Amino acid sequence: MRHILFLKIKVDEGREEDLIEFLCEAIAYYEESGRQKLRLLQNYDDRELFFEIIEYEDKKAFDCDSKRVGNDKKMKKLLERWREILQQPPEIMHFIDITHKIKPDD
């Protein structure tokens, strides 16, 4: 069962490109295990509001990445830089994908 994190983030006006540039640099490291995928959505009406979506293939991938976030020095430095771009702490929502319950072939 896939685990999905939604990170609702807000940047100051004019910092949208800073976020995009940072993620362009960091995405290879974020996805290096091959067991998660990062997506970025920008709000149509509020251009400073984003959702970073991290899709993990399963609970084990989520748990491994959670450990990496807590222990890996490079990851800690990347997250520190990321937080400097944000206007406020992110709102984090953790979901599990239960689409198979309504669409068995998916």
PDB file of N, CA and C in Angstrom:
ATOM      1  N   MET A   1       0.845  -1.180   0.000  1.00  0.00           N
ATOM      2  CA  MET A   1       0.000   0.000   0.000  1.00  0.00           C
ATOM      3  C   MET A   1       0.891   1.244   0.000  1.00  0.00           C
ATOM      4  N   ARG A   2       0.637   2.147  -0.952  1.00  0.00           N
ATOM      5  CA  ARG A   2       1.441   3.366  -1.040  1.00  0.00           C
ATOM      6  C   ARG A   2       1.134   4.309   0.111  1.00  0.00           C
ATOM      7  N   HIS A   3       2.188   4.975   0.581  1.00  0.00           N
ATOM      8  CA  HIS A   3       2.078   6.031   1.582  1.00  0.00           C
ATOM      9  C   HIS A   3       2.406   7.334   0.877  1.00  0.00           C
ATOM     10  N   ILE A   4       1.599   8.354   1.158  1.00  0.00           N
ATOM     11  CA  ILE A   4       1.762   9.624   0.460  1.00  0.00           C
ATOM     12  C   ILE A   4       1.770  10.755   1.478  1.00  0.00           C
ATOM     13  N   LEU A   5       2.803  11.594   1.388  1.00  0.00           N
ATOM     14  CA  LEU A   5       2.875  12.792   2.217  1.00  0.00           C
ATOM     15  C   LEU A   5       2.482  13.993   1.377  1.00  0.00           C
ATOM     16  N   PHE A   6       1.627  14.817   1.932  1.00  0.00           N
ATOM     17  CA  PHE A   6       1.285  16.102   1.348  1.00  0.00           C
ATOM     18  C   PHE A   6       1.884  17.165   2.264  1.00  0.00           C
ATOM     19  N   LEU A   7       2.770  17.968   1.725  1.00  0.00           N
ATOM     20  CA  LEU A   7       3.377  19.050   2.484  1.00  0.00           C
ATOM     21  C   LEU A   7       2.853  20.361   1.926  1.00  0.00           C
ATOM     22  N   LYS A   8       1.987  20.997   2.685  1.00  0.00           N
ATOM     23  CA  LYS A   8       1.431  22.285   2.273  1.00  0.00           C
ATOM     24  C   LYS A   8       2.428  23.351   2.696  1.00  0.00           C
ATOM     25  N   ILE A   9       2.946  24.071   1.701  1.00  0.00           N
ATOM     26  CA  ILE A   9       3.986  25.048   2.005  1.00  0.00           C
ATOM     27  C   ILE A   9       3.654  26.395   1.368  1.00  0.00           C
ATOM     28  N   LYS A  10       4.110  27.423   2.023  1.00  0.00           N
ATOM     29  CA  LYS A  10       3.892  28.794   1.569  1.00  0.00           C
ATOM     30  C   LYS A  10       5.244  29.485   1.539  1.00  0.00           C
ATOM     31  N   VAL A  11       5.494  30.210   0.463  1.00  0.00           N
ATOM     32  CA  VAL A  11       6.717  30.998   0.352  1.00  0.00           C
ATOM     33  C   VAL A  11       6.331  32.468   0.272  1.00  0.00           C
ATOM     34  N   ASP A  12       7.269  33.344   0.590  1.00  0.00           N
ATOM     35  CA  ASP A  12       7.018  34.774   0.457  1.00  0.00           C
ATOM     36  C   ASP A  12       6.877  35.135  -1.017  1.00  0.00           C
ATOM     37  N   GLU A  13       6.142  36.203  -1.278  1.00  0.00           N
ATOM     38  CA  GLU A  13       5.974  36.679  -2.651  1.00  0.00           C
ATOM     39  C   GLU A  13       7.348  36.893  -3.284  1.00  0.00           C
ATOM     40  N   GLY A  14       7.504  36.373  -4.489  1.00  0.00           N
ATOM     41  CA  GLY A  14       8.771  36.505  -5.190  1.00  0.00           C
ATOM     42  C   GLY A  14       9.761  35.379  -4.938  1.00  0.00           C
ATOM     43  N   ARG A  15       9.424  34.431  -4.061  1.00  0.00           N
ATOM     44  CA  ARG A  15      10.351  33.332  -3.740  1.00  0.00           C
ATOM     45  C   ARG A  15       9.955  32.017  -4.401  1.00  0.00           C
ATOM     46  N   GLU A  16       8.963  32.070  -5.271  1.00  0.00           N
ATOM     47  CA  GLU A  16       8.508  30.845  -5.935  1.00  0.00           C
ATOM     48  C   GLU A  16       9.653  30.189  -6.702  1.00  0.00           C
ATOM     49  N   GLU A  17      10.408  30.985  -7.428  1.00  0.00           N
ATOM     50  CA  GLU A  17      11.518  30.437  -8.218  1.00  0.00           C
ATOM     51  C   GLU A  17      12.634  29.899  -7.326  1.00  0.00           C
ATOM     52  N   ASP A  18      12.812  30.494  -6.141  1.00  0.00           N
ATOM     53  CA  ASP A  18      13.811  29.967  -5.193  1.00  0.00           C
ATOM     54  C   ASP A  18      13.458  28.530  -4.810  1.00  0.00           C
ATOM     55  N   LEU A  19      12.177  28.293  -4.559  1.00  0.00           N
ATOM     56  CA  LEU A  19      11.729  26.943  -4.203  1.00  0.00           C
ATOM     57  C   LEU A  19      11.957  25.987  -5.370  1.00  0.00           C
ATOM     58  N   ILE A  20      11.574  26.405  -6.553  1.00  0.00           N
ATOM     59  CA  ILE A  20      11.719  25.551  -7.731  1.00  0.00           C
ATOM     60  C   ILE A  20      13.196  25.239  -7.999  1.00  0.00           C
ATOM     61  N   GLU A  21      14.043  26.247  -7.920  1.00  0.00           N
ATOM     62  CA  GLU A  21      15.483  26.029  -8.128  1.00  0.00           C
ATOM     63  C   GLU A  21      16.052  25.074  -7.090  1.00  0.00           C
ATOM     64  N   PHE A  22      15.651  25.254  -5.832  1.00  0.00           N
ATOM     65  CA  PHE A  22      16.131  24.360  -4.784  1.00  0.00           C
ATOM     66  C   PHE A  22      15.712  22.921  -5.063  1.00  0.00           C
ATOM     67  N   LEU A  23      14.446  22.719  -5.407  1.00  0.00           N
ATOM     68  CA  LEU A  23      13.962  21.361  -5.648  1.00  0.00           C
ATOM     69  C   LEU A  23      14.615  20.737  -6.884  1.00  0.00           C
ATOM     70  N   CYS A  24      14.916  21.543  -7.884  1.00  0.00           N
ATOM     71  CA  CYS A  24      15.644  21.026  -9.053  1.00  0.00           C
ATOM     72  C   CYS A  24      17.000  20.468  -8.623  1.00  0.00           C
ATOM     73  N   GLU A  25      17.628  21.141  -7.694  1.00  0.00           N
ATOM     74  CA  GLU A  25      18.925  20.699  -7.178  1.00  0.00           C
ATOM     75  C   GLU A  25      18.791  19.478  -6.270  1.00  0.00           C
ATOM     76  N   ALA A  26      17.744  19.439  -5.455  1.00  0.00           N
ATOM     77  CA  ALA A  26      17.626  18.421  -4.406  1.00  0.00           C
ATOM     78  C   ALA A  26      16.899  17.151  -4.836  1.00  0.00           C
ATOM     79  N   ILE A  27      16.141  17.200  -5.912  1.00  0.00           N
ATOM     80  CA  ILE A  27      15.247  16.088  -6.244  1.00  0.00           C
ATOM     81  C   ILE A  27      15.992  14.777  -6.467  1.00  0.00           C
ATOM     82  N   ALA A  28      17.149  14.813  -7.090  1.00  0.00           N
ATOM     83  CA  ALA A  28      17.891  13.569  -7.334  1.00  0.00           C
ATOM     84  C   ALA A  28      18.237  12.886  -6.008  1.00  0.00           C
ATOM     85  N   TYR A  29      18.627  13.669  -5.019  1.00  0.00           N
ATOM     86  CA  TYR A  29      18.953  13.092  -3.717  1.00  0.00           C
ATOM     87  C   TYR A  29      17.690  12.599  -3.012  1.00  0.00           C
ATOM     88  N   TYR A  30      16.623  13.382  -3.096  1.00  0.00           N
ATOM     89  CA  TYR A  30      15.365  12.976  -2.470  1.00  0.00           C
ATOM     90  C   TYR A  30      14.872  11.633  -3.012  1.00  0.00           C
ATOM     91  N   GLU A  31      15.046  11.435  -4.310  1.00  0.00           N
ATOM     92  CA  GLU A  31      14.496  10.242  -4.960  1.00  0.00           C
ATOM     93  C   GLU A  31      15.528   9.147  -5.187  1.00  0.00           C
ATOM     94  N   GLU A  32      16.709   9.274  -4.627  1.00  0.00           N
ATOM     95  CA  GLU A  32      17.804   8.374  -4.983  1.00  0.00           C
ATOM     96  C   GLU A  32      17.532   6.896  -4.689  1.00  0.00           C
ATOM     97  N   SER A  33      16.694   6.585  -3.736  1.00  0.00           N
ATOM     98  CA  SER A  33      16.418   5.174  -3.440  1.00  0.00           C
ATOM     99  C   SER A  33      15.577   4.523  -4.538  1.00  0.00           C
ATOM    100  N   GLY A  34      14.886   5.340  -5.317  1.00  0.00           N
ATOM    101  CA  GLY A  34      14.018   4.807  -6.357  1.00  0.00           C
ATOM    102  C   GLY A  34      12.685   4.305  -5.840  1.00  0.00           C
ATOM    103  N   ARG A  35      12.434   4.475  -4.546  1.00  0.00           N
ATOM    104  CA  ARG A  35      11.194   3.952  -3.945  1.00  0.00           C
ATOM    105  C   ARG A  35      10.218   5.056  -3.568  1.00  0.00           C
ATOM    106  N   GLN A  36      10.558   6.299  -3.944  1.00  0.00           N
ATOM    107  CA  GLN A  36       9.646   7.401  -3.734  1.00  0.00           C
ATOM    108  C   GLN A  36       9.777   8.387  -4.891  1.00  0.00           C
ATOM    109  N   LYS A  37       8.718   9.164  -5.056  1.00  0.00           N
ATOM    110  CA  LYS A  37       8.658  10.128  -6.140  1.00  0.00           C
ATOM    111  C   LYS A  37       8.135  11.442  -5.585  1.00  0.00           C
ATOM    112  N   LEU A  38       8.774  12.531  -5.965  1.00  0.00           N
ATOM    113  CA  LEU A  38       8.368  13.863  -5.515  1.00  0.00           C
ATOM    114  C   LEU A  38       7.599  14.560  -6.634  1.00  0.00           C
ATOM    115  N   ARG A  39       6.500  15.164  -6.265  1.00  0.00           N
ATOM    116  CA  ARG A  39       5.725  15.989  -7.195  1.00  0.00           C
ATOM    117  C   ARG A  39       5.533  17.354  -6.560  1.00  0.00           C
ATOM    118  N   LEU A  40       5.335  18.361  -7.392  1.00  0.00           N
ATOM    119  CA  LEU A  40       5.129  19.719  -6.889  1.00  0.00           C
ATOM    120  C   LEU A  40       3.911  20.317  -7.578  1.00  0.00           C
ATOM    121  N   LEU A  41       2.979  20.805  -6.772  1.00  0.00           N
ATOM    122  CA  LEU A  41       1.789  21.484  -7.281  1.00  0.00           C
ATOM    123  C   LEU A  41       1.810  22.928  -6.795  1.00  0.00           C
ATOM    124  N   GLN A  42       1.431  23.832  -7.684  1.00  0.00           N
ATOM    125  CA  GLN A  42       1.328  25.247  -7.325  1.00  0.00           C
ATOM    126  C   GLN A  42      -0.131  25.659  -7.416  1.00  0.00           C
ATOM    127  N   ASN A  43      -0.602  26.370  -6.402  1.00  0.00           N
ATOM    128  CA  ASN A  43      -1.983  26.820  -6.383  1.00  0.00           C
ATOM    129  C   ASN A  43      -2.217  27.826  -7.510  1.00  0.00           C
ATOM    130  N   TYR A  44      -3.279  27.632  -8.241  1.00  0.00           N
ATOM    131  CA  TYR A  44      -3.595  28.487  -9.385  1.00  0.00           C
ATOM    132  C   TYR A  44      -3.881  29.931  -8.962  1.00  0.00           C
ATOM    133  N   ASP A  45      -4.605  30.107  -7.864  1.00  0.00           N
ATOM    134  CA  ASP A  45      -5.018  31.437  -7.418  1.00  0.00           C
ATOM    135  C   ASP A  45      -4.036  32.106  -6.471  1.00  0.00           C
ATOM    136  N   ASP A  46      -3.244  31.336  -5.773  1.00  0.00           N
ATOM    137  CA  ASP A  46      -2.261  31.856  -4.805  1.00  0.00           C
ATOM    138  C   ASP A  46      -0.910  31.274  -5.185  1.00  0.00           C
ATOM    139  N   ARG A  47      -0.153  31.991  -5.988  1.00  0.00           N
ATOM    140  CA  ARG A  47       1.075  31.468  -6.589  1.00  0.00           C
ATOM    141  C   ARG A  47       2.180  31.182  -5.570  1.00  0.00           C
ATOM    142  N   GLU A  48       2.035  31.645  -4.337  1.00  0.00           N
ATOM    143  CA  GLU A  48       3.027  31.375  -3.299  1.00  0.00           C
ATOM    144  C   GLU A  48       2.690  30.118  -2.490  1.00  0.00           C
ATOM    145  N   LEU A  49       1.572  29.472  -2.797  1.00  0.00           N
ATOM    146  CA  LEU A  49       1.122  28.278  -2.079  1.00  0.00           C
ATOM    147  C   LEU A  49       1.397  27.034  -2.929  1.00  0.00           C
ATOM    148  N   PHE A  50       2.049  26.060  -2.309  1.00  0.00           N
ATOM    149  CA  PHE A  50       2.435  24.836  -3.006  1.00  0.00           C
ATOM    150  C   PHE A  50       2.055  23.614  -2.177  1.00  0.00           C
ATOM    151  N   PHE A  51       1.949  22.504  -2.857  1.00  0.00           N
ATOM    152  CA  PHE A  51       1.923  21.198  -2.222  1.00  0.00           C
ATOM    153  C   PHE A  51       3.093  20.411  -2.785  1.00  0.00           C
ATOM    154  N   GLU A  52       3.968  19.965  -1.907  1.00  0.00           N
ATOM    155  CA  GLU A  52       4.958  18.963  -2.288  1.00  0.00           C
ATOM    156  C   GLU A  52       4.320  17.629  -1.948  1.00  0.00           C
ATOM    157  N   ILE A  53       4.321  16.733  -2.896  1.00  0.00           N
ATOM    158  CA  ILE A  53       3.717  15.422  -2.696  1.00  0.00           C
ATOM    159  C   ILE A  53       4.823  14.386  -2.835  1.00  0.00           C
ATOM    160  N   ILE A  54       4.996  13.597  -1.794  1.00  0.00           N
ATOM    161  CA  ILE A  54       6.003  12.541  -1.815  1.00  0.00           C
ATOM    162  C   ILE A  54       5.260  11.215  -1.762  1.00  0.00           C
ATOM    163  N   GLU A  55       5.379  10.460  -2.833  1.00  0.00           N
ATOM    164  CA  GLU A  55       4.683   9.180  -2.950  1.00  0.00           C
ATOM    165  C   GLU A  55       5.679   8.053  -2.717  1.00  0.00           C
ATOM    166  N   TYR A  56       5.437   7.260  -1.683  1.00  0.00           N
ATOM    167  CA  TYR A  56       6.284   6.112  -1.340  1.00  0.00           C
ATOM    168  C   TYR A  56       5.598   4.846  -1.826  1.00  0.00           C
ATOM    169  N   GLU A  57       6.368   3.928  -2.362  1.00  0.00           N
ATOM    170  CA  GLU A  57       5.754   2.715  -2.908  1.00  0.00           C
ATOM    171  C   GLU A  57       5.128   1.831  -1.838  1.00  0.00           C
ATOM    172  N   ASP A  58       5.623   1.926  -0.587  1.00  0.00           N
ATOM    173  CA  ASP A  58       5.050   1.127   0.498  1.00  0.00           C
ATOM    174  C   ASP A  58       5.510   1.676   1.847  1.00  0.00           C
ATOM    175  N   LYS A  59       5.037   1.054   2.915  1.00  0.00           N
ATOM    176  CA  LYS A  59       5.372   1.493   4.283  1.00  0.00           C
ATOM    177  C   LYS A  59       6.865   1.377   4.556  1.00  0.00           C
ATOM    178  N   LYS A  60       7.483   0.328   4.046  1.00  0.00           N
ATOM    179  CA  LYS A  60       8.920   0.153   4.255  1.00  0.00           C
ATOM    180  C   LYS A  60       9.708   1.310   3.644  1.00  0.00           C
ATOM    181  N   ALA A  61       9.339   1.743   2.451  1.00  0.00           N
ATOM    182  CA  ALA A  61      10.012   2.877   1.807  1.00  0.00           C
ATOM    183  C   ALA A  61       9.802   4.147   2.628  1.00  0.00           C
ATOM    184  N   PHE A  62       8.594   4.334   3.136  1.00  0.00           N
ATOM    185  CA  PHE A  62       8.303   5.489   3.983  1.00  0.00           C
ATOM    186  C   PHE A  62       9.162   5.457   5.245  1.00  0.00           C
ATOM    187  N   ASP A  63       9.216   4.298   5.904  1.00  0.00           N
ATOM    188  CA  ASP A  63       9.999   4.175   7.139  1.00  0.00           C
ATOM    189  C   ASP A  63      11.487   4.414   6.899  1.00  0.00           C
ATOM    190  N   CYS A  64      12.011   3.881   5.819  1.00  0.00           N
ATOM    191  CA  CYS A  64      13.434   4.081   5.486  1.00  0.00           C
ATOM    192  C   CYS A  64      13.737   5.556   5.253  1.00  0.00           C
ATOM    193  N   ASP A  65      12.852   6.231   4.528  1.00  0.00           N
ATOM    194  CA  ASP A  65      13.082   7.646   4.259  1.00  0.00           C
ATOM    195  C   ASP A  65      12.930   8.480   5.526  1.00  0.00           C
ATOM    196  N   SER A  66      12.016   8.091   6.401  1.00  0.00           N
ATOM    197  CA  SER A  66      11.858   8.803   7.678  1.00  0.00           C
ATOM    198  C   SER A  66      13.140   8.714   8.495  1.00  0.00           C
ATOM    199  N   LYS A  67      13.766   7.555   8.492  1.00  0.00           N
ATOM    200  CA  LYS A  67      15.047   7.404   9.198  1.00  0.00           C
ATOM    201  C   LYS A  67      16.115   8.275   8.557  1.00  0.00           C
ATOM    202  N   ARG A  68      16.133   8.313   7.224  1.00  0.00           N
ATOM    203  CA  ARG A  68      17.125   9.120   6.521  1.00  0.00           C
ATOM    204  C   ARG A  68      16.937  10.598   6.854  1.00  0.00           C
ATOM    205  N   VAL A  69      15.705  11.064   6.922  1.00  0.00           N
ATOM    206  CA  VAL A  69      15.429  12.457   7.272  1.00  0.00           C
ATOM    207  C   VAL A  69      15.972  12.772   8.670  1.00  0.00           C
ATOM    208  N   GLY A  70      15.853  11.815   9.576  1.00  0.00           N
ATOM    209  CA  GLY A  70      16.309  12.037  10.946  1.00  0.00           C
ATOM    210  C   GLY A  70      17.797  11.876  11.163  1.00  0.00           C
ATOM    211  N   ASN A  71      18.472  11.100  10.300  1.00  0.00           N
ATOM    212  CA  ASN A  71      19.865  10.738  10.577  1.00  0.00           C
ATOM    213  C   ASN A  71      20.893  11.193   9.551  1.00  0.00           C
ATOM    214  N   ASP A  72      20.496  11.396   8.329  1.00  0.00           N
ATOM    215  CA  ASP A  72      21.435  11.675   7.250  1.00  0.00           C
ATOM    216  C   ASP A  72      21.849  13.156   7.246  1.00  0.00           C
ATOM    217  N   LYS A  73      23.156  13.407   7.324  1.00  0.00           N
ATOM    218  CA  LYS A  73      23.658  14.786   7.414  1.00  0.00           C
ATOM    219  C   LYS A  73      23.332  15.595   6.163  1.00  0.00           C
ATOM    220  N   LYS A  74      23.494  15.003   5.001  1.00  0.00           N
ATOM    221  CA  LYS A  74      23.192  15.731   3.765  1.00  0.00           C
ATOM    222  C   LYS A  74      21.701  16.083   3.702  1.00  0.00           C
ATOM    223  N   MET A  75      20.855  15.142   4.097  1.00  0.00           N
ATOM    224  CA  MET A  75      19.413  15.406   4.094  1.00  0.00           C
ATOM    225  C   MET A  75      19.074  16.525   5.071  1.00  0.00           C
ATOM    226  N   LYS A  76      19.685  16.509   6.239  1.00  0.00           N
ATOM    227  CA  LYS A  76      19.425  17.556   7.231  1.00  0.00           C
ATOM    228  C   LYS A  76      19.803  18.932   6.683  1.00  0.00           C
ATOM    229  N   LYS A  77      20.939  19.005   5.969  1.00  0.00           N
ATOM    230  CA  LYS A  77      21.360  20.286   5.383  1.00  0.00           C
ATOM    231  C   LYS A  77      20.391  20.741   4.292  1.00  0.00           C
ATOM    232  N   LEU A  78      19.946  19.797   3.466  1.00  0.00           N
ATOM    233  CA  LEU A  78      18.977  20.146   2.432  1.00  0.00           C
ATOM    234  C   LEU A  78      17.683  20.658   3.051  1.00  0.00           C
ATOM    235  N   LEU A  79      17.198  19.974   4.072  1.00  0.00           N
ATOM    236  CA  LEU A  79      15.947  20.393   4.708  1.00  0.00           C
ATOM    237  C   LEU A  79      16.090  21.741   5.403  1.00  0.00           C
ATOM    238  N   GLU A  80      17.259  22.020   5.933  1.00  0.00           N
ATOM    239  CA  GLU A  80      17.518  23.325   6.544  1.00  0.00           C
ATOM    240  C   GLU A  80      17.420  24.431   5.485  1.00  0.00           C
ATOM    241  N   ARG A  81      18.016  24.208   4.330  1.00  0.00           N
ATOM    242  CA  ARG A  81      17.938  25.182   3.228  1.00  0.00           C
ATOM    243  C   ARG A  81      16.485  25.342   2.762  1.00  0.00           C
ATOM    244  N   TRP A  82      15.769  24.224   2.663  1.00  0.00           N
ATOM    245  CA  TRP A  82      14.367  24.243   2.248  1.00  0.00           C
ATOM    246  C   TRP A  82      13.534  25.085   3.212  1.00  0.00           C
ATOM    247  N   ARG A  83      13.733  24.889   4.504  1.00  0.00           N
ATOM    248  CA  ARG A  83      12.961  25.624   5.510  1.00  0.00           C
ATOM    249  C   ARG A  83      13.228  27.125   5.442  1.00  0.00           C
ATOM    250  N   GLU A  84      14.434  27.511   5.031  1.00  0.00           N
ATOM    251  CA  GLU A  84      14.765  28.934   4.909  1.00  0.00           C
ATOM    252  C   GLU A  84      13.951  29.609   3.801  1.00  0.00           C
ATOM    253  N   ILE A  85      13.508  28.833   2.828  1.00  0.00           N
ATOM    254  CA  ILE A  85      12.714  29.373   1.723  1.00  0.00           C
ATOM    255  C   ILE A  85      11.254  29.547   2.136  1.00  0.00           C
ATOM    256  N   LEU A  86      10.803  28.738   3.075  1.00  0.00           N
ATOM    257  CA  LEU A  86       9.396  28.739   3.461  1.00  0.00           C
ATOM    258  C   LEU A  86       9.043  29.938   4.328  1.00  0.00           C
ATOM    259  N   GLN A  87       7.824  30.419   4.168  1.00  0.00           N
ATOM    260  CA  GLN A  87       7.319  31.521   4.970  1.00  0.00           C
ATOM    261  C   GLN A  87       6.994  31.081   6.398  1.00  0.00           C
ATOM    262  N   GLN A  88       6.596  29.821   6.521  1.00  0.00           N
ATOM    263  CA  GLN A  88       6.187  29.264   7.815  1.00  0.00           C
ATOM    264  C   GLN A  88       6.432  27.759   7.769  1.00  0.00           C
ATOM    265  N   PRO A  89       6.398  27.088   8.907  1.00  0.00           N
ATOM    266  CA  PRO A  89       6.581  25.628   8.872  1.00  0.00           C
ATOM    267  C   PRO A  89       5.534  24.960   7.984  1.00  0.00           C
ATOM    268  N   PRO A  90       5.901  23.877   7.327  1.00  0.00           N
ATOM    269  CA  PRO A  90       4.947  23.197   6.454  1.00  0.00           C
ATOM    270  C   PRO A  90       3.858  22.501   7.259  1.00  0.00           C
ATOM    271  N   GLU A  91       2.709  22.363   6.643  1.00  0.00           N
ATOM    272  CA  GLU A  91       1.648  21.534   7.198  1.00  0.00           C
ATOM    273  C   GLU A  91       1.792  20.169   6.530  1.00  0.00           C
ATOM    274  N   ILE A  92       1.982  19.125   7.325  1.00  0.00           N
ATOM    275  CA  ILE A  92       2.262  17.794   6.790  1.00  0.00           C
ATOM    276  C   ILE A  92       1.072  16.880   7.039  1.00  0.00           C
ATOM    277  N   MET A  93       0.632  16.246   5.969  1.00  0.00           N
ATOM    278  CA  MET A  93      -0.477  15.297   6.052  1.00  0.00           C
ATOM    279  C   MET A  93      -0.009  13.966   5.477  1.00  0.00           C
ATOM    280  N   HIS A  94      -0.254  12.888   6.200  1.00  0.00           N
ATOM    281  CA  HIS A  94       0.192  11.550   5.800  1.00  0.00           C
ATOM    282  C   HIS A  94      -1.044  10.727   5.430  1.00  0.00           C
ATOM    283  N   PHE A  95      -1.052  10.226   4.195  1.00  0.00           N
ATOM    284  CA  PHE A  95      -2.170   9.433   3.694  1.00  0.00           C
ATOM    285  C   PHE A  95      -1.680   8.058   3.258  1.00  0.00           C
ATOM    286  N   ILE A  96      -2.602   7.116   3.215  1.00  0.00           N
ATOM    287  CA  ILE A  96      -2.342   5.838   2.559  1.00  0.00           C
ATOM    288  C   ILE A  96      -3.305   5.743   1.382  1.00  0.00           C
ATOM    289  N   ASP A  97      -2.831   5.139   0.316  1.00  0.00           N
ATOM    290  CA  ASP A  97      -3.627   5.020  -0.903  1.00  0.00           C
ATOM    291  C   ASP A  97      -4.518   3.784  -0.806  1.00  0.00           C
ATOM    292  N   ILE A  98      -5.817   4.027  -0.756  1.00  0.00           N
ATOM    293  CA  ILE A  98      -6.772   2.914  -0.680  1.00  0.00           C
ATOM    294  C   ILE A  98      -7.626   2.838  -1.950  1.00  0.00           C
ATOM    295  N   THR A  99      -7.097   3.358  -3.034  1.00  0.00           N
ATOM    296  CA  THR A  99      -7.823   3.344  -4.303  1.00  0.00           C
ATOM    297  C   THR A  99      -8.250   1.931  -4.681  1.00  0.00           C
ATOM    298  N   HIS A 100      -7.423   0.945  -4.324  1.00  0.00           N
ATOM    299  CA  HIS A 100      -7.751  -0.440  -4.666  1.00  0.00           C
ATOM    300  C   HIS A 100      -9.097  -0.890  -4.088  1.00  0.00           C
ATOM    301  N   LYS A 101      -9.567  -0.213  -3.049  1.00  0.00           N
ATOM    302  CA  LYS A 101     -10.852  -0.588  -2.457  1.00  0.00           C
ATOM    303  C   LYS A 101     -12.033  -0.158  -3.319  1.00  0.00           C
ATOM    304  N   ILE A 102     -11.818   0.839  -4.153  1.00  0.00           N
ATOM    305  CA  ILE A 102     -12.910   1.308  -5.015  1.00  0.00           C
ATOM    306  C   ILE A 102     -12.641   0.982  -6.484  1.00  0.00           C
ATOM    307  N   LYS A 103     -11.389   0.630  -6.768  1.00  0.00           N
ATOM    308  CA  LYS A 103     -10.986   0.340  -8.132  1.00  0.00           C
ATOM    309  C   LYS A 103      -9.982  -0.824  -8.097  1.00  0.00           C
ATOM    310  N   PRO A 104     -10.469  -2.032  -7.987  1.00  0.00           N
ATOM    311  CA  PRO A 104      -9.609  -3.208  -7.743  1.00  0.00           C
ATOM    312  C   PRO A 104      -8.474  -3.407  -8.756  1.00  0.00           C
ATOM    313  N   ASP A 105      -8.639  -2.969  -9.977  1.00  0.00           N
ATOM    314  CA  ASP A 105      -7.600  -3.175 -10.985  1.00  0.00           C
ATOM    315  C   ASP A 105      -6.478  -2.143 -10.908  1.00  0.00           C
ATOM    316  N   ASP A 106      -6.583  -1.183 -10.029  1.00  0.00           N
ATOM    317  CA  ASP A 106      -5.599  -0.113  -9.932  1.00  0.00           C
ATOM    318  C   ASP A 106      -4.460  -0.437  -8.991  1.00  0.00           C
TER     319      ASP A 106
END
